[in-house]
Amino acid sequence: MDLKEAMPQDTTSLEKRPGVLLVGSPDVGKRTLVSRLLSIDLEDTTDTTSGLLAFGWSINTKYYTADVTVWLANLHKKFSARSLPIFDQLAALVMVFDISNCSSAGFIFY
C-alpha cells in the first residue's frame, strides 16, 4: 500500500469510493484500529469531534483489489449514520467498543 494513499485526504475525492465507517465513543481505539489496519501513524491530536475523518485505502490481495475510503466518526446521542453526506457510499460499518468500559456501548440503547 502506498503510504501517501493512507494519509487523511481531501474528502471530495474520497466520497465516490465505497466506504467503511468506523464509529465508537471517544477514546475507544478507533484511531489505533485505523493505524494498524492501514499501517500508518496517526497523531493523537487528530480531532474527530468536529466530524468525519477520511482515509484512502487500496486493498490489494491475491484474490481481491479495491480502493475504499475508511471514515472515522465519534458517536454521541444525536449521531445518525443516515444523516451523513457519505451514507449512500457506505458498504460496511465497524462499531468499536472498549470491552473494559461498558459505558462505551451505552449509546446503542438511546
PDB file of N, CA and C in Angstrom:
ATOM      1  N   MET A   1       0.842  -1.176   0.000  1.00  0.00           N
ATOM      2  CA  MET A   1       0.000   0.000   0.000  1.00  0.00           C
ATOM      3  C   MET A   1       0.882   1.231   0.000  1.00  0.00           C
ATOM      4  N   ASP A   2       0.499   2.179  -0.777  1.00  0.00           N
ATOM      5  CA  ASP A   2       1.209   3.448  -0.844  1.00  0.00           C
ATOM      6  C   ASP A   2       0.899   4.257   0.409  1.00  0.00           C
ATOM      7  N   LEU A   3       1.935   4.664   1.152  1.00  0.00           N
ATOM      8  CA  LEU A   3       1.742   5.413   2.394  1.00  0.00           C
ATOM      9  C   LEU A   3       0.980   6.701   2.139  1.00  0.00           C
ATOM     10  N   LYS A   4       1.250   7.344   1.033  1.00  0.00           N
ATOM     11  CA  LYS A   4       0.552   8.583   0.699  1.00  0.00           C
ATOM     12  C   LYS A   4      -0.952   8.341   0.576  1.00  0.00           C
ATOM     13  N   GLU A   5      -1.324   7.175   0.091  1.00  0.00           N
ATOM     14  CA  GLU A   5      -2.727   6.820  -0.087  1.00  0.00           C
ATOM     15  C   GLU A   5      -3.466   6.742   1.248  1.00  0.00           C
ATOM     16  N   ALA A   6      -2.768   6.390   2.319  1.00  0.00           N
ATOM     17  CA  ALA A   6      -3.423   6.183   3.607  1.00  0.00           C
ATOM     18  C   ALA A   6      -3.526   7.444   4.456  1.00  0.00           C
ATOM     19  N   MET A   7      -2.915   8.514   4.039  1.00  0.00           N
ATOM     20  CA  MET A   7      -2.957   9.748   4.819  1.00  0.00           C
ATOM     21  C   MET A   7      -4.322  10.426   4.677  1.00  0.00           C
ATOM     22  N   PRO A   8      -4.745  11.211   5.682  1.00  0.00           N
ATOM     23  CA  PRO A   8      -6.001  11.947   5.547  1.00  0.00           C
ATOM     24  C   PRO A   8      -5.972  12.792   4.277  1.00  0.00           C
ATOM     25  N   GLN A   9      -7.065  12.753   3.536  1.00  0.00           N
ATOM     26  CA  GLN A   9      -7.095  13.409   2.237  1.00  0.00           C
ATOM     27  C   GLN A   9      -8.303  14.314   2.124  1.00  0.00           C
ATOM     28  N   ASP A  10      -8.326  15.048   1.026  1.00  0.00           N
ATOM     29  CA  ASP A  10      -9.480  15.855   0.689  1.00  0.00           C
ATOM     30  C   ASP A  10     -10.670  14.920   0.510  1.00  0.00           C
ATOM     31  N   THR A  11     -11.716  15.118   1.294  1.00  0.00           N
ATOM     32  CA  THR A  11     -12.829  14.176   1.279  1.00  0.00           C
ATOM     33  C   THR A  11     -13.609  14.171  -0.025  1.00  0.00           C
ATOM     34  N   THR A  12     -13.533  15.227  -0.828  1.00  0.00           N
ATOM     35  CA  THR A  12     -14.299  15.236  -2.070  1.00  0.00           C
ATOM     36  C   THR A  12     -13.832  14.148  -3.023  1.00  0.00           C
ATOM     37  N   SER A  13     -12.541  13.850  -3.059  1.00  0.00           N
ATOM     38  CA  SER A  13     -12.045  12.801  -3.942  1.00  0.00           C
ATOM     39  C   SER A  13     -12.335  11.412  -3.390  1.00  0.00           C
ATOM     40  N   LEU A  14     -12.550  11.303  -2.100  1.00  0.00           N
ATOM     41  CA  LEU A  14     -12.785  10.004  -1.479  1.00  0.00           C
ATOM     42  C   LEU A  14     -14.263   9.651  -1.376  1.00  0.00           C
ATOM     43  N   GLU A  15     -15.142  10.621  -1.519  1.00  0.00           N
ATOM     44  CA  GLU A  15     -16.570  10.374  -1.345  1.00  0.00           C
ATOM     45  C   GLU A  15     -17.154   9.438  -2.389  1.00  0.00           C
ATOM     46  N   LYS A  16     -16.503   9.298  -3.521  1.00  0.00           N
ATOM     47  CA  LYS A  16     -17.022   8.450  -4.587  1.00  0.00           C
ATOM     48  C   LYS A  16     -16.685   6.972  -4.390  1.00  0.00           C
ATOM     49  N   ARG A  17     -15.730   6.681  -3.531  1.00  0.00           N
ATOM     50  CA  ARG A  17     -15.325   5.296  -3.289  1.00  0.00           C
ATOM     51  C   ARG A  17     -16.305   4.603  -2.344  1.00  0.00           C
ATOM     52  N   PRO A  18     -16.392   3.273  -2.419  1.00  0.00           N
ATOM     53  CA  PRO A  18     -17.140   2.552  -1.382  1.00  0.00           C
ATOM     54  C   PRO A  18     -16.513   2.866  -0.030  1.00  0.00           C
ATOM     55  N   GLY A  19     -17.342   2.984   0.996  1.00  0.00           N
ATOM     56  CA  GLY A  19     -16.836   3.405   2.294  1.00  0.00           C
ATOM     57  C   GLY A  19     -17.015   2.385   3.397  1.00  0.00           C
ATOM     58  N   VAL A  20     -16.110   2.452   4.358  1.00  0.00           N
ATOM     59  CA  VAL A  20     -16.183   1.687   5.595  1.00  0.00           C
ATOM     60  C   VAL A  20     -16.240   2.722   6.712  1.00  0.00           C
ATOM     61  N   LEU A  21     -17.302   2.695   7.504  1.00  0.00           N
ATOM     62  CA  LEU A  21     -17.468   3.661   8.588  1.00  0.00           C
ATOM     63  C   LEU A  21     -17.102   3.010   9.913  1.00  0.00           C
ATOM     64  N   LEU A  22     -16.089   3.563  10.590  1.00  0.00           N
ATOM     65  CA  LEU A  22     -15.717   3.144  11.941  1.00  0.00           C
ATOM     66  C   LEU A  22     -16.301   4.154  12.903  1.00  0.00           C
ATOM     67  N   VAL A  23     -17.148   3.677  13.807  1.00  0.00           N
ATOM     68  CA  VAL A  23     -17.777   4.558  14.780  1.00  0.00           C
ATOM     69  C   VAL A  23     -17.591   4.001  16.178  1.00  0.00           C
ATOM     70  N   GLY A  24     -17.581   4.884  17.136  1.00  0.00           N
ATOM     71  CA  GLY A  24     -17.481   4.489  18.534  1.00  0.00           C
ATOM     72  C   GLY A  24     -17.386   5.716  19.407  1.00  0.00           C
ATOM     73  N   SER A  25     -17.548   5.496  20.696  1.00  0.00           N
ATOM     74  CA  SER A  25     -17.405   6.586  21.658  1.00  0.00           C
ATOM     75  C   SER A  25     -15.981   7.121  21.606  1.00  0.00           C
ATOM     76  N   PRO A  26     -15.765   8.334  22.092  1.00  0.00           N
ATOM     77  CA  PRO A  26     -14.399   8.868  22.135  1.00  0.00           C
ATOM     78  C   PRO A  26     -13.482   7.973  22.974  1.00  0.00           C
ATOM     79  N   ASP A  27     -12.251   7.858  22.550  1.00  0.00           N
ATOM     80  CA  ASP A  27     -11.200   7.136  23.287  1.00  0.00           C
ATOM     81  C   ASP A  27     -11.449   5.642  23.441  1.00  0.00           C
ATOM     82  N   VAL A  28     -12.051   4.997  22.430  1.00  0.00           N
ATOM     83  CA  VAL A  28     -12.220   3.545  22.499  1.00  0.00           C
ATOM     84  C   VAL A  28     -11.235   2.800  21.603  1.00  0.00           C
ATOM     85  N   GLY A  29     -10.446   3.521  20.811  1.00  0.00           N
ATOM     86  CA  GLY A  29      -9.427   2.880  19.994  1.00  0.00           C
ATOM     87  C   GLY A  29      -9.661   2.913  18.499  1.00  0.00           C
ATOM     88  N   LYS A  30     -10.498   3.822  18.033  1.00  0.00           N
ATOM     89  CA  LYS A  30     -10.759   3.910  16.593  1.00  0.00           C
ATOM     90  C   LYS A  30      -9.506   4.280  15.814  1.00  0.00           C
ATOM     91  N   ARG A  31      -8.770   5.283  16.300  1.00  0.00           N
ATOM     92  CA  ARG A  31      -7.537   5.702  15.615  1.00  0.00           C
ATOM     93  C   ARG A  31      -6.495   4.595  15.650  1.00  0.00           C
ATOM     94  N   THR A  32      -6.410   3.886  16.757  1.00  0.00           N
ATOM     95  CA  THR A  32      -5.458   2.777  16.859  1.00  0.00           C
ATOM     96  C   THR A  32      -5.797   1.693  15.850  1.00  0.00           C
ATOM     97  N   LEU A  33      -7.069   1.365  15.730  1.00  0.00           N
ATOM     98  CA  LEU A  33      -7.503   0.353  14.770  1.00  0.00           C
ATOM     99  C   LEU A  33      -7.161   0.772  13.343  1.00  0.00           C
ATOM    100  N   VAL A  34      -7.454   2.026  12.996  1.00  0.00           N
ATOM    101  CA  VAL A  34      -7.138   2.527  11.650  1.00  0.00           C
ATOM    102  C   VAL A  34      -5.628   2.541  11.431  1.00  0.00           C
ATOM    103  N   SER A  35      -4.874   2.965  12.426  1.00  0.00           N
ATOM    104  CA  SER A  35      -3.408   2.995  12.307  1.00  0.00           C
ATOM    105  C   SER A  35      -2.855   1.617  11.980  1.00  0.00           C
ATOM    106  N   ARG A  36      -3.351   0.613  12.661  1.00  0.00           N
ATOM    107  CA  ARG A  36      -2.851  -0.748  12.436  1.00  0.00           C
ATOM    108  C   ARG A  36      -3.370  -1.338  11.135  1.00  0.00           C
ATOM    109  N   LEU A  37      -4.608  -1.069  10.818  1.00  0.00           N
ATOM    110  CA  LEU A  37      -5.200  -1.587   9.589  1.00  0.00           C
ATOM    111  C   LEU A  37      -4.508  -1.024   8.352  1.00  0.00           C
ATOM    112  N   LEU A  38      -4.221   0.281   8.380  1.00  0.00           N
ATOM    113  CA  LEU A  38      -3.622   0.945   7.224  1.00  0.00           C
ATOM    114  C   LEU A  38      -2.105   1.064   7.312  1.00  0.00           C
ATOM    115  N   SER A  39      -1.527   0.573   8.412  1.00  0.00           N
ATOM    116  CA  SER A  39      -0.071   0.645   8.630  1.00  0.00           C
ATOM    117  C   SER A  39       0.444   2.077   8.532  1.00  0.00           C
ATOM    118  N   ILE A  40      -0.218   2.968   9.251  1.00  0.00           N
ATOM    119  CA  ILE A  40       0.191   4.371   9.283  1.00  0.00           C
ATOM    120  C   ILE A  40       0.256   4.837  10.733  1.00  0.00           C
ATOM    121  N   ASP A  41       0.917   5.963  10.949  1.00  0.00           N
ATOM    122  CA  ASP A  41       0.950   6.583  12.266  1.00  0.00           C
ATOM    123  C   ASP A  41      -0.028   7.748  12.275  1.00  0.00           C
ATOM    124  N   LEU A  42      -1.029   7.656  13.131  1.00  0.00           N
ATOM    125  CA  LEU A  42      -1.963   8.764  13.311  1.00  0.00           C
ATOM    126  C   LEU A  42      -1.620   9.454  14.611  1.00  0.00           C
ATOM    127  N   GLU A  43      -1.518  10.753  14.554  1.00  0.00           N
ATOM    128  CA  GLU A  43      -1.209  11.513  15.754  1.00  0.00           C
ATOM    129  C   GLU A  43      -2.420  11.528  16.678  1.00  0.00           C
ATOM    130  N   ASP A  44      -2.170  11.519  17.981  1.00  0.00           N
ATOM    131  CA  ASP A  44      -3.253  11.596  18.956  1.00  0.00           C
ATOM    132  C   ASP A  44      -3.989  12.919  18.887  1.00  0.00           C
ATOM    133  N   THR A  45      -3.389  13.897  18.242  1.00  0.00           N
ATOM    134  CA  THR A  45      -4.021  15.213  18.150  1.00  0.00           C
ATOM    135  C   THR A  45      -5.061  15.279  17.040  1.00  0.00           C
ATOM    136  N   THR A  46      -5.184  14.202  16.243  1.00  0.00           N
ATOM    137  CA  THR A  46      -6.186  14.184  15.190  1.00  0.00           C
ATOM    138  C   THR A  46      -7.560  14.323  15.830  1.00  0.00           C
ATOM    139  N   ASP A  47      -8.297  15.348  15.462  1.00  0.00           N
ATOM    140  CA  ASP A  47      -9.569  15.668  16.102  1.00  0.00           C
ATOM    141  C   ASP A  47     -10.731  15.102  15.305  1.00  0.00           C
ATOM    142  N   THR A  48     -11.491  14.185  15.921  1.00  0.00           N
ATOM    143  CA  THR A  48     -12.675  13.645  15.265  1.00  0.00           C
ATOM    144  C   THR A  48     -13.954  14.234  15.839  1.00  0.00           C
ATOM    145  N   THR A  49     -13.838  15.157  16.792  1.00  0.00           N
ATOM    146  CA  THR A  49     -15.043  15.726  17.394  1.00  0.00           C
ATOM    147  C   THR A  49     -15.785  16.638  16.427  1.00  0.00           C
ATOM    148  N   SER A  50     -15.086  17.180  15.458  1.00  0.00           N
ATOM    149  CA  SER A  50     -15.717  18.123  14.541  1.00  0.00           C
ATOM    150  C   SER A  50     -16.445  17.442  13.391  1.00  0.00           C
ATOM    151  N   GLY A  51     -16.323  16.148  13.245  1.00  0.00           N
ATOM    152  CA  GLY A  51     -16.999  15.473  12.151  1.00  0.00           C
ATOM    153  C   GLY A  51     -16.303  14.194  11.761  1.00  0.00           C
ATOM    154  N   LEU A  52     -16.140  14.008  10.473  1.00  0.00           N
ATOM    155  CA  LEU A  52     -15.570  12.784   9.932  1.00  0.00           C
ATOM    156  C   LEU A  52     -14.118  12.970   9.526  1.00  0.00           C
ATOM    157  N   LEU A  53     -13.348  11.911   9.684  1.00  0.00           N
ATOM    158  CA  LEU A  53     -12.004  11.845   9.105  1.00  0.00           C
ATOM    159  C   LEU A  53     -12.054  10.802   8.002  1.00  0.00           C
ATOM    160  N   ALA A  54     -11.368  11.047   6.902  1.00  0.00           N
ATOM    161  CA  ALA A  54     -11.368  10.128   5.768  1.00  0.00           C
ATOM    162  C   ALA A  54      -9.947   9.700   5.440  1.00  0.00           C
ATOM    163  N   PHE A  55      -9.796   8.408   5.148  1.00  0.00           N
ATOM    164  CA  PHE A  55      -8.504   7.840   4.774  1.00  0.00           C
ATOM    165  C   PHE A  55      -8.714   6.945   3.562  1.00  0.00           C
ATOM    166  N   GLY A  56      -7.930   7.175   2.513  1.00  0.00           N
ATOM    167  CA  GLY A  56      -7.979   6.296   1.363  1.00  0.00           C
ATOM    168  C   GLY A  56      -7.239   5.008   1.665  1.00  0.00           C
ATOM    169  N   TRP A  57      -7.766   3.901   1.184  1.00  0.00           N
ATOM    170  CA  TRP A  57      -7.145   2.598   1.425  1.00  0.00           C
ATOM    171  C   TRP A  57      -7.249   1.776   0.149  1.00  0.00           C
ATOM    172  N   SER A  58      -6.111   1.337  -0.353  1.00  0.00           N
ATOM    173  CA  SER A  58      -6.084   0.444  -1.506  1.00  0.00           C
ATOM    174  C   SER A  58      -5.865  -0.972  -1.000  1.00  0.00           C
ATOM    175  N   ILE A  59      -6.905  -1.781  -1.090  1.00  0.00           N
ATOM    176  CA  ILE A  59      -6.820  -3.184  -0.694  1.00  0.00           C
ATOM    177  C   ILE A  59      -6.312  -3.941  -1.909  1.00  0.00           C
ATOM    178  N   ASN A  60      -5.220  -4.653  -1.743  1.00  0.00           N
ATOM    179  CA  ASN A  60      -4.636  -5.375  -2.864  1.00  0.00           C
ATOM    180  C   ASN A  60      -4.139  -6.725  -2.369  1.00  0.00           C
ATOM    181  N   THR A  61      -4.952  -7.746  -2.579  1.00  0.00           N
ATOM    182  CA  THR A  61      -4.580  -9.097  -2.173  1.00  0.00           C
ATOM    183  C   THR A  61      -4.492  -9.977  -3.413  1.00  0.00           C
ATOM    184  N   LYS A  62      -4.164 -11.212  -3.202  1.00  0.00           N
ATOM    185  CA  LYS A  62      -4.045 -12.155  -4.314  1.00  0.00           C
ATOM    186  C   LYS A  62      -5.378 -12.307  -5.059  1.00  0.00           C
ATOM    187  N   TYR A  63      -6.489 -12.225  -4.330  1.00  0.00           N
ATOM    188  CA  TYR A  63      -7.795 -12.500  -4.916  1.00  0.00           C
ATOM    189  C   TYR A  63      -8.699 -11.278  -5.061  1.00  0.00           C
ATOM    190  N   TYR A  64      -8.293 -10.156  -4.507  1.00  0.00           N
ATOM    191  CA  TYR A  64      -9.210  -9.022  -4.449  1.00  0.00           C
ATOM    192  C   TYR A  64      -8.438  -7.712  -4.484  1.00  0.00           C
ATOM    193  N   THR A  65      -8.940  -6.760  -5.246  1.00  0.00           N
ATOM    194  CA  THR A  65      -8.361  -5.421  -5.291  1.00  0.00           C
ATOM    195  C   THR A  65      -9.504  -4.407  -5.242  1.00  0.00           C
ATOM    196  N   ALA A  66      -9.364  -3.418  -4.368  1.00  0.00           N
ATOM    197  CA  ALA A  66     -10.395  -2.382  -4.272  1.00  0.00           C
ATOM    198  C   ALA A  66      -9.806  -1.124  -3.654  1.00  0.00           C
ATOM    199  N   ASP A  67     -10.301   0.011  -4.094  1.00  0.00           N
ATOM    200  CA  ASP A  67      -9.984   1.294  -3.473  1.00  0.00           C
ATOM    201  C   ASP A  67     -11.206   1.708  -2.665  1.00  0.00           C
ATOM    202  N   VAL A  68     -11.026   1.844  -1.360  1.00  0.00           N
ATOM    203  CA  VAL A  68     -12.125   2.215  -0.476  1.00  0.00           C
ATOM    204  C   VAL A  68     -11.723   3.424   0.363  1.00  0.00           C
ATOM    205  N   THR A  69     -12.690   3.987   1.034  1.00  0.00           N
ATOM    206  CA  THR A  69     -12.445   5.063   1.985  1.00  0.00           C
ATOM    207  C   THR A  69     -12.838   4.580   3.368  1.00  0.00           C
ATOM    208  N   VAL A  70     -11.938   4.753   4.320  1.00  0.00           N
ATOM    209  CA  VAL A  70     -12.234   4.444   5.714  1.00  0.00           C
ATOM    210  C   VAL A  70     -12.598   5.762   6.388  1.00  0.00           C
ATOM    211  N   TRP A  71     -13.801   5.825   6.914  1.00  0.00           N
ATOM    212  CA  TRP A  71     -14.312   7.023   7.591  1.00  0.00           C
ATOM    213  C   TRP A  71     -14.312   6.777   9.091  1.00  0.00           C
ATOM    214  N   LEU A  72     -13.928   7.773   9.869  1.00  0.00           N
ATOM    215  CA  LEU A  72     -13.886   7.704  11.328  1.00  0.00           C
ATOM    216  C   LEU A  72     -14.847   8.733  11.898  1.00  0.00           C
ATOM    217  N   ALA A  73     -15.682   8.312  12.871  1.00  0.00           N
ATOM    218  CA  ALA A  73     -16.616   9.253  13.499  1.00  0.00           C
ATOM    219  C   ALA A  73     -16.814   8.893  14.962  1.00  0.00           C
ATOM    220  N   ASN A  74     -16.961   9.920  15.789  1.00  0.00           N
ATOM    221  CA  ASN A  74     -17.311   9.721  17.196  1.00  0.00           C
ATOM    222  C   ASN A  74     -18.822   9.626  17.324  1.00  0.00           C
ATOM    223  N   LEU A  75     -19.271   8.713  18.155  1.00  0.00           N
ATOM    224  CA  LEU A  75     -20.698   8.589  18.421  1.00  0.00           C
ATOM    225  C   LEU A  75     -21.106   9.504  19.562  1.00  0.00           C
ATOM    226  N   HIS A  76     -22.318   9.980  19.476  1.00  0.00           N
ATOM    227  CA  HIS A  76     -22.920  10.774  20.537  1.00  0.00           C
ATOM    228  C   HIS A  76     -24.419  10.543  20.456  1.00  0.00           C
ATOM    229  N   LYS A  77     -25.165  11.066  21.382  1.00  0.00           N
ATOM    230  CA  LYS A  77     -26.602  10.776  21.475  1.00  0.00           C
ATOM    231  C   LYS A  77     -27.372  11.117  20.206  1.00  0.00           C
ATOM    232  N   LYS A  78     -26.989  12.154  19.514  1.00  0.00           N
ATOM    233  CA  LYS A  78     -27.734  12.581  18.325  1.00  0.00           C
ATOM    234  C   LYS A  78     -27.103  12.100  17.021  1.00  0.00           C
ATOM    235  N   PHE A  79     -26.149  11.176  17.103  1.00  0.00           N
ATOM    236  CA  PHE A  79     -25.474  10.684  15.906  1.00  0.00           C
ATOM    237  C   PHE A  79     -26.437   9.845  15.069  1.00  0.00           C
ATOM    238  N   SER A  80     -26.415  10.062  13.778  1.00  0.00           N
ATOM    239  CA  SER A  80     -27.199   9.263  12.847  1.00  0.00           C
ATOM    240  C   SER A  80     -26.378   9.046  11.584  1.00  0.00           C
ATOM    241  N   ALA A  81     -26.087   7.788  11.280  1.00  0.00           N
ATOM    242  CA  ALA A  81     -25.327   7.481  10.066  1.00  0.00           C
ATOM    243  C   ALA A  81     -26.097   7.923   8.828  1.00  0.00           C
ATOM    244  N   ARG A  82     -27.415   7.844   8.884  1.00  0.00           N
ATOM    245  CA  ARG A  82     -28.236   8.241   7.733  1.00  0.00           C
ATOM    246  C   ARG A  82     -28.111   9.725   7.400  1.00  0.00           C
ATOM    247  N   SER A  83     -27.740  10.530   8.378  1.00  0.00           N
ATOM    248  CA  SER A  83     -27.613  11.969   8.122  1.00  0.00           C
ATOM    249  C   SER A  83     -26.248  12.346   7.545  1.00  0.00           C
ATOM    250  N   LEU A  84     -25.338  11.387   7.464  1.00  0.00           N
ATOM    251  CA  LEU A  84     -24.010  11.669   6.922  1.00  0.00           C
ATOM    252  C   LEU A  84     -24.091  11.854   5.410  1.00  0.00           C
ATOM    253  N   PRO A  85     -23.352  12.808   4.860  1.00  0.00           N
ATOM    254  CA  PRO A  85     -23.386  13.025   3.411  1.00  0.00           C
ATOM    255  C   PRO A  85     -22.832  11.843   2.617  1.00  0.00           C
ATOM    256  N   ILE A  86     -22.092  10.969   3.277  1.00  0.00           N
ATOM    257  CA  ILE A  86     -21.483   9.825   2.587  1.00  0.00           C
ATOM    258  C   ILE A  86     -22.281   8.539   2.808  1.00  0.00           C
ATOM    259  N   PHE A  87     -23.468   8.627   3.392  1.00  0.00           N
ATOM    260  CA  PHE A  87     -24.248   7.443   3.755  1.00  0.00           C
ATOM    261  C   PHE A  87     -24.460   6.494   2.576  1.00  0.00           C
ATOM    262  N   ASP A  88     -24.790   7.017   1.411  1.00  0.00           N
ATOM    263  CA  ASP A  88     -25.072   6.171   0.252  1.00  0.00           C
ATOM    264  C   ASP A  88     -23.846   5.435  -0.270  1.00  0.00           C
ATOM    265  N   GLN A  89     -22.661   5.879   0.089  1.00  0.00           N
ATOM    266  CA  GLN A  89     -21.434   5.228  -0.363  1.00  0.00           C
ATOM    267  C   GLN A  89     -20.940   4.159   0.613  1.00  0.00           C
ATOM    268  N   LEU A  90     -21.551   4.066   1.782  1.00  0.00           N
ATOM    269  CA  LEU A  90     -21.062   3.125   2.789  1.00  0.00           C
ATOM    270  C   LEU A  90     -21.380   1.685   2.411  1.00  0.00           C
ATOM    271  N   ALA A  91     -20.358   0.835   2.513  1.00  0.00           N
ATOM    272  CA  ALA A  91     -20.506  -0.587   2.234  1.00  0.00           C
ATOM    273  C   ALA A  91     -20.377  -1.420   3.506  1.00  0.00           C
ATOM    274  N   ALA A  92     -19.813  -0.816   4.564  1.00  0.00           N
ATOM    275  CA  ALA A  92     -19.600  -1.561   5.807  1.00  0.00           C
ATOM    276  C   ALA A  92     -19.615  -0.617   7.000  1.00  0.00           C
ATOM    277  N   LEU A  93     -19.970  -1.182   8.141  1.00  0.00           N
ATOM    278  CA  LEU A  93     -19.982  -0.449   9.404  1.00  0.00           C
ATOM    279  C   LEU A  93     -19.193  -1.255  10.423  1.00  0.00           C
ATOM    280  N   VAL A  94     -18.242  -0.594  11.078  1.00  0.00           N
ATOM    281  CA  VAL A  94     -17.464  -1.218  12.149  1.00  0.00           C
ATOM    282  C   VAL A  94     -17.711  -0.400  13.403  1.00  0.00           C
ATOM    283  N   MET A  95     -18.282  -1.042  14.419  1.00  0.00           N
ATOM    284  CA  MET A  95     -18.547  -0.365  15.689  1.00  0.00           C
ATOM    285  C   MET A  95     -17.456  -0.772  16.671  1.00  0.00           C
ATOM    286  N   VAL A  96     -16.806   0.225  17.266  1.00  0.00           N
ATOM    287  CA  VAL A  96     -15.668  -0.019  18.148  1.00  0.00           C
ATOM    288  C   VAL A  96     -16.090   0.283  19.584  1.00  0.00           C
ATOM    289  N   PHE A  97     -15.837  -0.691  20.476  1.00  0.00           N
ATOM    290  CA  PHE A  97     -16.166  -0.564  21.893  1.00  0.00           C
ATOM    291  C   PHE A  97     -14.930  -0.827  22.721  1.00  0.00           C
ATOM    292  N   ASP A  98     -14.923  -0.304  23.938  1.00  0.00           N
ATOM    293  CA  ASP A  98     -13.905  -0.634  24.930  1.00  0.00           C
ATOM    294  C   ASP A  98     -14.514  -1.708  25.821  1.00  0.00           C
ATOM    295  N   ILE A  99     -14.042  -2.936  25.684  1.00  0.00           N
ATOM    296  CA  ILE A  99     -14.634  -4.055  26.407  1.00  0.00           C
ATOM    297  C   ILE A  99     -14.509  -3.911  27.922  1.00  0.00           C
ATOM    298  N   SER A 100     -13.546  -3.106  28.383  1.00  0.00           N
ATOM    299  CA  SER A 100     -13.383  -2.905  29.822  1.00  0.00           C
ATOM    300  C   SER A 100     -14.241  -1.749  30.349  1.00  0.00           C
ATOM    301  N   ASN A 101     -15.002  -1.098  29.453  1.00  0.00           N
ATOM    302  CA  ASN A 101     -15.833   0.034  29.855  1.00  0.00           C
ATOM    303  C   ASN A 101     -17.202  -0.097  29.186  1.00  0.00           C
ATOM    304  N   CYS A 102     -18.161  -0.636  29.911  1.00  0.00           N
ATOM    305  CA  CYS A 102     -19.495  -0.868  29.345  1.00  0.00           C
ATOM    306  C   CYS A 102     -20.167   0.406  28.858  1.00  0.00           C
ATOM    307  N   SER A 103     -19.822   1.538  29.432  1.00  0.00           N
ATOM    308  CA  SER A 103     -20.461   2.788  29.012  1.00  0.00           C
ATOM    309  C   SER A 103     -20.091   3.172  27.579  1.00  0.00           C
ATOM    310  N   SER A 104     -19.025   2.592  27.030  1.00  0.00           N
ATOM    311  CA  SER A 104     -18.648   2.907  25.649  1.00  0.00           C
ATOM    312  C   SER A 104     -19.658   2.352  24.650  1.00  0.00           C
ATOM    313  N   ALA A 105     -20.512   1.431  25.095  1.00  0.00           N
ATOM    314  CA  ALA A 105     -21.559   0.880  24.233  1.00  0.00           C
ATOM    315  C   ALA A 105     -22.928   1.431  24.606  1.00  0.00           C
ATOM    316  N   GLY A 106     -22.984   2.329  25.575  1.00  0.00           N
ATOM    317  CA  GLY A 106     -24.250   2.849  26.069  1.00  0.00           C
ATOM    318  C   GLY A 106     -25.077   3.594  25.054  1.00  0.00           C
ATOM    319  N   PHE A 107     -24.470   4.170  24.038  1.00  0.00           N
ATOM    320  CA  PHE A 107     -25.198   4.945  23.033  1.00  0.00           C
ATOM    321  C   PHE A 107     -26.170   4.091  22.241  1.00  0.00           C
ATOM    322  N   ILE A 108     -25.975   2.791  22.198  1.00  0.00           N
ATOM    323  CA  ILE A 108     -26.841   1.899  21.422  1.00  0.00           C
ATOM    324  C   ILE A 108     -28.262   1.903  21.973  1.00  0.00           C
ATOM    325  N   PHE A 109     -28.391   2.126  23.241  1.00  0.00           N
ATOM    326  CA  PHE A 109     -29.683   1.988  23.893  1.00  0.00           C
ATOM    327  C   PHE A 109     -30.529   3.250  23.869  1.00  0.00           C
ATOM    328  N   TYR A 110     -30.061   4.299  23.233  1.00  0.00           N
ATOM    329  CA  TYR A 110     -30.838   5.537  23.166  1.00  0.00           C
ATOM    330  C   TYR A 110     -31.856   5.458  22.077  1.00  0.00           C
TER     331      TYR A 110
END
